[in-house]
């Protein structure tokens, strides 16, 4: 059985608002993979000169840019904290997350009494 490298500790957390280092979009994290967990086709579609390594955390974001809202899958190396304070408008956020009051979010608790 091959020995794999230990997963790195994720630098960002669920509910944190982040922005992309290269492309003009930002979003809130709703899930984290300790290492790449998407298709080989998806990874190979990224231009080689900016293709991230697979052995780092990857984040699922409710993302948005000036034109649209979407789901993004982004490597840790390409994210930065977003400190703009500008509210996010992505419609799916409220289905999964709720505001914490400090500008970040937490997983929405449903049916808990």
C-alpha atoms as a PDB file:
ATOM      1  CA  UNK A   1       0.000   0.000   0.000  1.00  0.00           C
ATOM      2  CA  UNK A   2       1.593   3.325  -1.034  1.00  0.00           C
ATOM      3  CA  UNK A   3       2.156   5.922   1.633  1.00  0.00           C
ATOM      4  CA  UNK A   4       0.616   9.276   0.766  1.00  0.00           C
ATOM      5  CA  UNK A   5       1.759  12.622   2.028  1.00  0.00           C
ATOM      6  CA  UNK A   6      -0.247  13.912   4.976  1.00  0.00           C
ATOM      7  CA  UNK A   7      -3.018  16.344   4.047  1.00  0.00           C
ATOM      8  CA  UNK A   8      -2.191  19.945   4.793  1.00  0.00           C
ATOM      9  CA  UNK A   9      -4.265  21.896   7.248  1.00  0.00           C
ATOM     10  CA  UNK A  10      -6.681  24.135   5.344  1.00  0.00           C
ATOM     11  CA  UNK A  11      -5.782  27.820   5.633  1.00  0.00           C
ATOM     12  CA  UNK A  12      -9.379  28.937   5.056  1.00  0.00           C
ATOM     13  CA  UNK A  13     -12.561  27.728   6.726  1.00  0.00           C
ATOM     14  CA  UNK A  14     -16.181  27.076   5.844  1.00  0.00           C
ATOM     15  CA  UNK A  15     -18.090  30.341   5.973  1.00  0.00           C
ATOM     16  CA  UNK A  16     -15.068  32.523   5.211  1.00  0.00           C
ATOM     17  CA  UNK A  17     -15.343  35.054   2.400  1.00  0.00           C
ATOM     18  CA  UNK A  18     -12.436  34.872  -0.036  1.00  0.00           C
ATOM     19  CA  UNK A  19     -11.389  36.246  -3.400  1.00  0.00           C
ATOM     20  CA  UNK A  20      -9.445  34.684  -6.249  1.00  0.00           C
ATOM     21  CA  UNK A  21      -5.803  35.719  -6.527  1.00  0.00           C
ATOM     22  CA  UNK A  22      -5.881  35.949 -10.360  1.00  0.00           C
ATOM     23  CA  UNK A  23      -9.470  36.183 -11.573  1.00  0.00           C
ATOM     24  CA  UNK A  24     -12.018  38.853 -10.583  1.00  0.00           C
ATOM     25  CA  UNK A  25     -14.401  36.865  -8.417  1.00  0.00           C
ATOM     26  CA  UNK A  26     -15.099  36.323  -4.755  1.00  0.00           C
ATOM     27  CA  UNK A  27     -17.270  34.012  -2.720  1.00  0.00           C
ATOM     28  CA  UNK A  28     -17.939  32.161   0.499  1.00  0.00           C
ATOM     29  CA  UNK A  29     -16.536  28.703   1.245  1.00  0.00           C
ATOM     30  CA  UNK A  30     -19.146  25.994   1.789  1.00  0.00           C
ATOM     31  CA  UNK A  31     -16.954  22.876   1.640  1.00  0.00           C
ATOM     32  CA  UNK A  32     -13.259  21.909   1.703  1.00  0.00           C
ATOM     33  CA  UNK A  33     -11.418  18.960   0.155  1.00  0.00           C
ATOM     34  CA  UNK A  34      -8.038  18.246   1.829  1.00  0.00           C
ATOM     35  CA  UNK A  35      -6.572  17.516  -1.632  1.00  0.00           C
ATOM     36  CA  UNK A  36      -7.835  17.777  -5.212  1.00  0.00           C
ATOM     37  CA  UNK A  37     -11.062  15.816  -5.655  1.00  0.00           C
ATOM     38  CA  UNK A  38     -12.399  16.692  -9.099  1.00  0.00           C
ATOM     39  CA  UNK A  39     -12.029  15.092 -12.528  1.00  0.00           C
ATOM     40  CA  UNK A  40      -8.774  14.814 -14.422  1.00  0.00           C
ATOM     41  CA  UNK A  41     -10.508  16.562 -17.351  1.00  0.00           C
ATOM     42  CA  UNK A  42     -11.350  19.550 -15.129  1.00  0.00           C
ATOM     43  CA  UNK A  43      -7.746  19.796 -13.923  1.00  0.00           C
ATOM     44  CA  UNK A  44      -6.266  19.451 -17.429  1.00  0.00           C
ATOM     45  CA  UNK A  45      -8.596  22.187 -18.720  1.00  0.00           C
ATOM     46  CA  UNK A  46      -6.664  24.702 -16.603  1.00  0.00           C
ATOM     47  CA  UNK A  47      -3.844  26.297 -18.632  1.00  0.00           C
ATOM     48  CA  UNK A  48      -0.599  24.593 -17.644  1.00  0.00           C
ATOM     49  CA  UNK A  49       1.132  27.850 -16.693  1.00  0.00           C
ATOM     50  CA  UNK A  50      -1.457  28.486 -13.947  1.00  0.00           C
ATOM     51  CA  UNK A  51      -2.514  24.886 -13.162  1.00  0.00           C
ATOM     52  CA  UNK A  52      -2.341  24.338  -9.390  1.00  0.00           C
ATOM     53  CA  UNK A  53      -0.791  21.320  -7.729  1.00  0.00           C
ATOM     54  CA  UNK A  54      -3.263  18.667  -6.577  1.00  0.00           C
ATOM     55  CA  UNK A  55      -1.717  18.132  -3.129  1.00  0.00           C
ATOM     56  CA  UNK A  56      -3.279  21.108  -1.389  1.00  0.00           C
ATOM     57  CA  UNK A  57      -6.741  21.939  -0.045  1.00  0.00           C
ATOM     58  CA  UNK A  58      -9.392  22.803  -2.641  1.00  0.00           C
ATOM     59  CA  UNK A  59     -12.435  24.874  -1.745  1.00  0.00           C
ATOM     60  CA  UNK A  60     -16.030  24.830  -2.957  1.00  0.00           C
ATOM     61  CA  UNK A  61     -17.353  28.396  -3.175  1.00  0.00           C
ATOM     62  CA  UNK A  62     -20.642  30.103  -3.756  1.00  0.00           C
ATOM     63  CA  UNK A  63     -18.874  32.492  -6.113  1.00  0.00           C
ATOM     64  CA  UNK A  64     -19.819  35.655  -7.942  1.00  0.00           C
ATOM     65  CA  UNK A  65     -18.365  38.248 -10.241  1.00  0.00           C
ATOM     66  CA  UNK A  66     -19.905  41.415 -11.652  1.00  0.00           C
ATOM     67  CA  UNK A  67     -22.031  39.475 -14.158  1.00  0.00           C
ATOM     68  CA  UNK A  68     -23.144  36.209 -12.558  1.00  0.00           C
ATOM     69  CA  UNK A  69     -23.271  33.784  -9.633  1.00  0.00           C
ATOM     70  CA  UNK A  70     -21.936  30.220  -9.792  1.00  0.00           C
ATOM     71  CA  UNK A  71     -20.184  27.412  -7.906  1.00  0.00           C
ATOM     72  CA  UNK A  72     -16.379  27.486  -8.077  1.00  0.00           C
ATOM     73  CA  UNK A  73     -13.728  24.921  -7.127  1.00  0.00           C
ATOM     74  CA  UNK A  74     -10.494  26.698  -6.239  1.00  0.00           C
ATOM     75  CA  UNK A  75      -7.061  25.653  -4.965  1.00  0.00           C
ATOM     76  CA  UNK A  76      -5.781  27.167  -1.750  1.00  0.00           C
ATOM     77  CA  UNK A  77      -2.840  28.793  -3.558  1.00  0.00           C
ATOM     78  CA  UNK A  78      -5.303  30.876  -5.594  1.00  0.00           C
ATOM     79  CA  UNK A  79      -7.340  32.280  -2.716  1.00  0.00           C
ATOM     80  CA  UNK A  80      -6.921  35.332  -0.533  1.00  0.00           C
ATOM     81  CA  UNK A  81      -9.094  36.563   2.333  1.00  0.00           C
ATOM     82  CA  UNK A  82     -11.683  39.101   1.164  1.00  0.00           C
ATOM     83  CA  UNK A  83     -11.693  42.090   3.487  1.00  0.00           C
ATOM     84  CA  UNK A  84     -13.857  44.374   1.339  1.00  0.00           C
ATOM     85  CA  UNK A  85     -16.892  44.104   3.626  1.00  0.00           C
ATOM     86  CA  UNK A  86     -19.134  44.093   0.533  1.00  0.00           C
ATOM     87  CA  UNK A  87     -22.089  41.696   1.039  1.00  0.00           C
ATOM     88  CA  UNK A  88     -22.376  38.667  -1.225  1.00  0.00           C
ATOM     89  CA  UNK A  89     -25.531  38.308  -3.337  1.00  0.00           C
ATOM     90  CA  UNK A  90     -25.309  34.616  -4.344  1.00  0.00           C
ATOM     91  CA  UNK A  91     -28.817  33.176  -3.949  1.00  0.00           C
ATOM     92  CA  UNK A  92     -27.675  29.726  -2.758  1.00  0.00           C
ATOM     93  CA  UNK A  93     -25.821  31.023   0.307  1.00  0.00           C
ATOM     94  CA  UNK A  94     -28.926  31.173   2.489  1.00  0.00           C
ATOM     95  CA  UNK A  95     -29.806  27.547   1.650  1.00  0.00           C
ATOM     96  CA  UNK A  96     -26.599  26.266   3.279  1.00  0.00           C
ATOM     97  CA  UNK A  97     -25.105  29.046   5.414  1.00  0.00           C
ATOM     98  CA  UNK A  98     -26.282  31.707   7.831  1.00  0.00           C
ATOM     99  CA  UNK A  99     -24.555  34.985   8.767  1.00  0.00           C
ATOM    100  CA  UNK A 100     -22.503  35.001  11.971  1.00  0.00           C
ATOM    101  CA  UNK A 101     -22.670  38.769  12.400  1.00  0.00           C
ATOM    102  CA  UNK A 102     -18.955  39.351  11.860  1.00  0.00           C
ATOM    103  CA  UNK A 103     -19.101  39.282   8.049  1.00  0.00           C
ATOM    104  CA  UNK A 104     -18.574  35.518   7.815  1.00  0.00           C
ATOM    105  CA  UNK A 105     -21.019  32.603   7.776  1.00  0.00           C
ATOM    106  CA  UNK A 106     -21.604  29.266   9.492  1.00  0.00           C
ATOM    107  CA  UNK A 107     -23.389  26.097   8.387  1.00  0.00           C
ATOM    108  CA  UNK A 108     -27.137  26.611   8.700  1.00  0.00           C
ATOM    109  CA  UNK A 109     -28.611  24.475  11.447  1.00  0.00           C
ATOM    110  CA  UNK A 110     -31.919  23.027  10.275  1.00  0.00           C
ATOM    111  CA  UNK A 111     -34.408  21.318  12.531  1.00  0.00           C
ATOM    112  CA  UNK A 112     -32.301  21.751  15.669  1.00  0.00           C
ATOM    113  CA  UNK A 113     -34.308  22.513  18.811  1.00  0.00           C
END
